[in-house]
Structure formats: C-alpha cells, structure tokens
PDB file of N, CA and C in Angstrom:
ATOM      1  N   UNK A   1      64.570 -17.236 -24.239  1.00  0.00           N
ATOM      2  CA  UNK A   1      64.765 -18.450 -24.199  1.00  0.00           C
ATOM      3  C   UNK A   1      65.317 -19.743 -25.113  1.00  0.00           C
ATOM      4  N   UNK A   2      65.389 -20.509 -24.804  1.00  0.00           N
ATOM      5  CA  UNK A   2      66.189 -21.740 -24.790  1.00  0.00           C
ATOM      6  C   UNK A   2      66.021 -22.596 -25.990  1.00  0.00           C
ATOM      7  N   UNK A   3      66.184 -22.829 -26.784  1.00  0.00           N
ATOM      8  CA  UNK A   3      65.225 -24.258 -27.193  1.00  0.00           C
ATOM      9  C   UNK A   3      65.379 -25.516 -27.833  1.00  0.00           C
ATOM     10  N   UNK A   4      65.384 -26.626 -27.082  1.00  0.00           N
ATOM     11  CA  UNK A   4      66.485 -27.891 -27.504  1.00  0.00           C
ATOM     12  C   UNK A   4      65.416 -28.880 -28.375  1.00  0.00           C
ATOM     13  N   UNK A   5      66.307 -29.020 -29.692  1.00  0.00           N
ATOM     14  CA  UNK A   5      65.230 -29.510 -31.005  1.00  0.00           C
ATOM     15  C   UNK A   5      65.758 -30.754 -30.792  1.00  0.00           C
ATOM     16  N   UNK A   6      64.993 -32.380 -30.553  1.00  0.00           N
ATOM     17  CA  UNK A   6      65.527 -33.238 -31.252  1.00  0.00           C
ATOM     18  C   UNK A   6      64.900 -34.246 -32.630  1.00  0.00           C
ATOM     19  N   UNK A   7      66.003 -34.225 -33.358  1.00  0.00           N
ATOM     20  CA  UNK A   7      65.615 -35.530 -34.106  1.00  0.00           C
ATOM     21  C   UNK A   7      65.842 -36.602 -34.562  1.00  0.00           C
ATOM     22  N   UNK A   8      64.790 -37.135 -34.816  1.00  0.00           N
ATOM     23  CA  UNK A   8      65.171 -38.575 -34.730  1.00  0.00           C
ATOM     24  C   UNK A   8      64.739 -39.717 -36.519  1.00  0.00           C
ATOM     25  N   UNK A   9      65.179 -39.288 -37.941  1.00  0.00           N
ATOM     26  CA  UNK A   9      64.809 -38.407 -38.769  1.00  0.00           C
ATOM     27  C   UNK A   9      65.223 -41.085 -39.163  1.00  0.00           C
ATOM     28  N   UNK A  10      65.984 -41.709 -38.754  1.00  0.00           N
ATOM     29  CA  UNK A  10      65.586 -42.729 -38.754  1.00  0.00           C
ATOM     30  C   UNK A  10      64.725 -43.773 -37.941  1.00  0.00           C
ATOM     31  N   UNK A  11      63.781 -43.104 -37.536  1.00  0.00           N
ATOM     32  CA  UNK A  11      62.517 -43.831 -36.536  1.00  0.00           C
ATOM     33  C   UNK A  11      60.737 -43.461 -38.698  1.00  0.00           C
ATOM     34  N   UNK A  12      60.482 -44.058 -38.447  1.00  0.00           N
ATOM     35  CA  UNK A  12      59.158 -44.080 -38.807  1.00  0.00           C
ATOM     36  C   UNK A  12      58.196 -43.173 -38.824  1.00  0.00           C
ATOM     37  N   UNK A  13      58.732 -41.945 -37.999  1.00  0.00           N
ATOM     38  CA  UNK A  13      57.640 -41.743 -38.139  1.00  0.00           C
ATOM     39  C   UNK A  13      58.588 -40.185 -37.556  1.00  0.00           C
ATOM     40  N   UNK A  14      59.763 -39.783 -38.869  1.00  0.00           N
ATOM     41  CA  UNK A  14      61.068 -38.702 -38.276  1.00  0.00           C
ATOM     42  C   UNK A  14      60.469 -38.339 -37.851  1.00  0.00           C
ATOM     43  N   UNK A  15      60.913 -38.150 -36.379  1.00  0.00           N
ATOM     44  CA  UNK A  15      59.679 -37.331 -35.620  1.00  0.00           C
ATOM     45  C   UNK A  15      60.512 -35.888 -34.800  1.00  0.00           C
ATOM     46  N   UNK A  16      60.104 -35.008 -34.612  1.00  0.00           N
ATOM     47  CA  UNK A  16      61.128 -33.772 -33.816  1.00  0.00           C
ATOM     48  C   UNK A  16      60.482 -33.289 -32.342  1.00  0.00           C
ATOM     49  N   UNK A  17      60.794 -33.122 -31.738  1.00  0.00           N
ATOM     50  CA  UNK A  17      60.360 -33.128 -29.859  1.00  0.00           C
ATOM     51  C   UNK A  17      61.632 -31.631 -29.899  1.00  0.00           C
ATOM     52  N   UNK A  18      60.468 -30.800 -29.528  1.00  0.00           N
ATOM     53  CA  UNK A  18      61.615 -29.713 -28.737  1.00  0.00           C
ATOM     54  C   UNK A  18      60.891 -29.416 -27.045  1.00  0.00           C
ATOM     55  N   UNK A  19      61.704 -28.954 -26.961  1.00  0.00           N
ATOM     56  CA  UNK A  19      61.863 -28.705 -25.160  1.00  0.00           C
ATOM     57  C   UNK A  19      62.578 -27.236 -25.063  1.00  0.00           C
ATOM     58  N   UNK A  20      61.462 -26.602 -24.054  1.00  0.00           N
ATOM     59  CA  UNK A  20      61.506 -25.256 -23.930  1.00  0.00           C
ATOM     60  C   UNK A  20      62.612 -24.263 -22.706  1.00  0.00           C
ATOM     61  N   UNK A  21      63.732 -24.279 -22.855  1.00  0.00           N
ATOM     62  CA  UNK A  21      63.459 -23.311 -21.370  1.00  0.00           C
ATOM     63  C   UNK A  21      63.530 -21.600 -20.990  1.00  0.00           C
ATOM     64  N   UNK A  22      63.303 -21.345 -20.162  1.00  0.00           N
ATOM     65  CA  UNK A  22      63.685 -20.455 -19.521  1.00  0.00           C
ATOM     66  C   UNK A  22      65.054 -20.053 -19.113  1.00  0.00           C
ATOM     67  N   UNK A  23      65.993 -20.694 -19.020  1.00  0.00           N
ATOM     68  CA  UNK A  23      67.426 -20.677 -18.293  1.00  0.00           C
ATOM     69  C   UNK A  23      68.237 -21.018 -19.677  1.00  0.00           C
ATOM     70  N   UNK A  24      69.908 -20.261 -19.955  1.00  0.00           N
ATOM     71  CA  UNK A  24      70.853 -21.090 -20.895  1.00  0.00           C
ATOM     72  C   UNK A  24      71.162 -22.231 -19.878  1.00  0.00           C
ATOM     73  N   UNK A  25      71.278 -22.524 -18.666  1.00  0.00           N
ATOM     74  CA  UNK A  25      71.685 -23.722 -17.898  1.00  0.00           C
ATOM     75  C   UNK A  25      70.567 -24.762 -18.225  1.00  0.00           C
ATOM     76  N   UNK A  26      69.985 -24.326 -17.526  1.00  0.00           N
ATOM     77  CA  UNK A  26      69.043 -25.731 -17.659  1.00  0.00           C
ATOM     78  C   UNK A  26      68.858 -26.169 -19.025  1.00  0.00           C
ATOM     79  N   UNK A  27      68.842 -25.528 -19.824  1.00  0.00           N
ATOM     80  CA  UNK A  27      68.829 -26.250 -21.345  1.00  0.00           C
ATOM     81  C   UNK A  27      70.231 -26.711 -21.992  1.00  0.00           C
ATOM     82  N   UNK A  28      71.611 -26.374 -21.131  1.00  0.00           N
ATOM     83  CA  UNK A  28      72.784 -27.205 -21.162  1.00  0.00           C
ATOM     84  C   UNK A  28      72.564 -28.785 -21.037  1.00  0.00           C
ATOM     85  N   UNK A  29      72.184 -28.884 -19.646  1.00  0.00           N
ATOM     86  CA  UNK A  29      72.192 -30.219 -18.753  1.00  0.00           C
ATOM     87  C   UNK A  29      71.292 -30.447 -19.134  1.00  0.00           C
ATOM     88  N   UNK A  30      70.157 -30.734 -20.000  1.00  0.00           N
ATOM     89  CA  UNK A  30      68.531 -31.373 -20.154  1.00  0.00           C
ATOM     90  C   UNK A  30      69.628 -31.731 -22.585  1.00  0.00           C
ATOM     91  N   UNK A  31      70.143 -30.549 -22.222  1.00  0.00           N
ATOM     92  CA  UNK A  31      70.984 -30.746 -23.783  1.00  0.00           C
ATOM     93  C   UNK A  31      72.498 -32.141 -23.397  1.00  0.00           C
ATOM     94  N   UNK A  32      73.145 -32.313 -22.545  1.00  0.00           N
ATOM     95  CA  UNK A  32      74.009 -32.937 -22.423  1.00  0.00           C
ATOM     96  C   UNK A  32      74.100 -34.153 -22.460  1.00  0.00           C
ATOM     97  N   UNK A  33      72.121 -34.141 -21.464  1.00  0.00           N
ATOM     98  CA  UNK A  33      71.514 -35.691 -20.774  1.00  0.00           C
ATOM     99  C   UNK A  33      70.796 -35.997 -22.559  1.00  0.00           C
ATOM    100  N   UNK A  34      70.510 -35.763 -22.786  1.00  0.00           N
ATOM    101  CA  UNK A  34      69.380 -36.178 -24.540  1.00  0.00           C
ATOM    102  C   UNK A  34      71.097 -37.172 -25.248  1.00  0.00           C
ATOM    103  N   UNK A  35      70.261 -37.661 -26.362  1.00  0.00           N
ATOM    104  CA  UNK A  35      70.812 -39.060 -27.060  1.00  0.00           C
ATOM    105  C   UNK A  35      70.229 -38.561 -28.911  1.00  0.00           C
ATOM    106  N   UNK A  36      70.047 -39.124 -29.439  1.00  0.00           N
ATOM    107  CA  UNK A  36      70.385 -38.628 -31.254  1.00  0.00           C
ATOM    108  C   UNK A  36      70.762 -36.938 -32.130  1.00  0.00           C
ATOM    109  N   UNK A  37      70.109 -36.788 -32.880  1.00  0.00           N
ATOM    110  CA  UNK A  37      70.398 -35.373 -33.470  1.00  0.00           C
ATOM    111  C   UNK A  37      69.596 -34.525 -33.069  1.00  0.00           C
ATOM    112  N   UNK A  38      70.243 -33.929 -32.212  1.00  0.00           N
ATOM    113  CA  UNK A  38      69.867 -32.537 -31.868  1.00  0.00           C
ATOM    114  C   UNK A  38      70.821 -31.568 -31.891  1.00  0.00           C
ATOM    115  N   UNK A  39      69.843 -30.117 -31.462  1.00  0.00           N
ATOM    116  CA  UNK A  39      70.146 -28.468 -31.665  1.00  0.00           C
ATOM    117  C   UNK A  39      69.701 -27.559 -30.410  1.00  0.00           C
ATOM    118  N   UNK A  40      70.745 -27.401 -30.613  1.00  0.00           N
ATOM    119  CA  UNK A  40      71.044 -26.544 -29.070  1.00  0.00           C
ATOM    120  C   UNK A  40      70.293 -24.725 -29.498  1.00  0.00           C
ATOM    121  N   UNK A  41      69.324 -24.525 -29.505  1.00  0.00           N
ATOM    122  CA  UNK A  41      69.258 -22.640 -29.947  1.00  0.00           C
ATOM    123  C   UNK A  41      68.813 -21.029 -28.928  1.00  0.00           C
ATOM    124  N   UNK A  42      68.969 -20.747 -29.115  1.00  0.00           N
ATOM    125  CA  UNK A  42      68.781 -19.061 -28.072  1.00  0.00           C
ATOM    126  C   UNK A  42      67.559 -18.624 -29.202  1.00  0.00           C
ATOM    127  N   UNK A  43      66.145 -18.480 -28.662  1.00  0.00           N
ATOM    128  CA  UNK A  43      65.082 -18.361 -29.168  1.00  0.00           C
ATOM    129  C   UNK A  43      64.968 -16.552 -28.609  1.00  0.00           C
ATOM    130  N   UNK A  44      65.781 -15.178 -29.553  1.00  0.00           N
ATOM    131  CA  UNK A  44      65.318 -13.837 -28.907  1.00  0.00           C
ATOM    132  C   UNK A  44      64.312 -13.482 -29.532  1.00  0.00           C
ATOM    133  N   UNK A  45      63.178 -13.156 -28.655  1.00  0.00           N
ATOM    134  CA  UNK A  45      61.729 -11.942 -29.551  1.00  0.00           C
ATOM    135  C   UNK A  45      62.051 -11.190 -28.902  1.00  0.00           C
ATOM    136  N   UNK A  46      61.273 -10.062 -30.259  1.00  0.00           N
ATOM    137  CA  UNK A  46      61.834  -8.454 -30.412  1.00  0.00           C
ATOM    138  C   UNK A  46      60.596  -8.274 -30.821  1.00  0.00           C
ATOM    139  N   UNK A  47      59.945  -7.000 -29.877  1.00  0.00           N
ATOM    140  CA  UNK A  47      58.255  -5.882 -30.239  1.00  0.00           C
ATOM    141  C   UNK A  47      58.826  -5.327 -30.903  1.00  0.00           C
ATOM    142  N   UNK A  48      58.711  -4.644 -31.091  1.00  0.00           N
ATOM    143  CA  UNK A  48      58.702  -3.131 -31.512  1.00  0.00           C
ATOM    144  C   UNK A  48      56.705  -2.523 -32.508  1.00  0.00           C
ATOM    145  N   UNK A  49      56.579  -1.934 -31.439  1.00  0.00           N
ATOM    146  CA  UNK A  49      55.042  -1.437 -31.770  1.00  0.00           C
ATOM    147  C   UNK A  49      54.749  -0.354 -33.134  1.00  0.00           C
ATOM    148  N   UNK A  50      56.284   0.510 -32.948  1.00  0.00           N
ATOM    149  CA  UNK A  50      55.694   0.940 -34.430  1.00  0.00           C
ATOM    150  C   UNK A  50      56.078   0.612 -35.653  1.00  0.00           C
ATOM    151  N   UNK A  51      56.615  -0.639 -35.045  1.00  0.00           N
ATOM    152  CA  UNK A  51      57.056  -1.176 -36.865  1.00  0.00           C
ATOM    153  C   UNK A  51      56.053  -1.905 -37.772  1.00  0.00           C
ATOM    154  N   UNK A  52      55.283  -2.103 -36.787  1.00  0.00           N
ATOM    155  CA  UNK A  52      53.935  -3.342 -36.792  1.00  0.00           C
ATOM    156  C   UNK A  52      53.234  -2.200 -38.608  1.00  0.00           C
ATOM    157  N   UNK A  53      52.771  -3.602 -38.987  1.00  0.00           N
ATOM    158  CA  UNK A  53      52.351  -3.556 -40.802  1.00  0.00           C
ATOM    159  C   UNK A  53      50.683  -3.196 -40.567  1.00  0.00           C
ATOM    160  N   UNK A  54      50.824  -2.378 -41.611  1.00  0.00           N
ATOM    161  CA  UNK A  54      49.573  -1.469 -41.480  1.00  0.00           C
ATOM    162  C   UNK A  54      48.559  -2.489 -42.598  1.00  0.00           C
ATOM    163  N   UNK A  55      47.002  -3.390 -41.934  1.00  0.00           N
ATOM    164  CA  UNK A  55      46.562  -3.741 -43.300  1.00  0.00           C
ATOM    165  C   UNK A  55      45.615  -2.572 -43.853  1.00  0.00           C
ATOM    166  N   UNK A  56      45.124  -2.992 -45.017  1.00  0.00           N
ATOM    167  CA  UNK A  56      44.366  -2.175 -45.851  1.00  0.00           C
ATOM    168  C   UNK A  56      42.924  -2.521 -45.853  1.00  0.00           C
TER     169      UNK A  56
END
C-alpha cells in the first residue's frame, strides 16, 4: 500500500490528510499534482501468526 500525506500546518486546523493507493504509479501521479507539504511513503504489512503475543 502506498500513502500520500498532506500536512497543512499553516491553517487554523493544522490538518493532516492521508490518501491510500494500491499501486506506486497511482500514488506518484497524485503526489506530483498535490500542493503543500507532502510525504510519500510505502506501507508494508507483515503478519506472522507464530509471533503473536500470548496474553495471560
């Protein structure tokens, strides 16, 4: 999953908006079009059932 985060620290709300994309190409195209302070990141989800925590 790819995420583009827009940070508008200069507004009254100090808003943060996140957009999620399935492909890198789609995310990069949007990233180029957007303005303000922005962050482009890849999210890697890893699930290992053998590493789950035991709760007593």
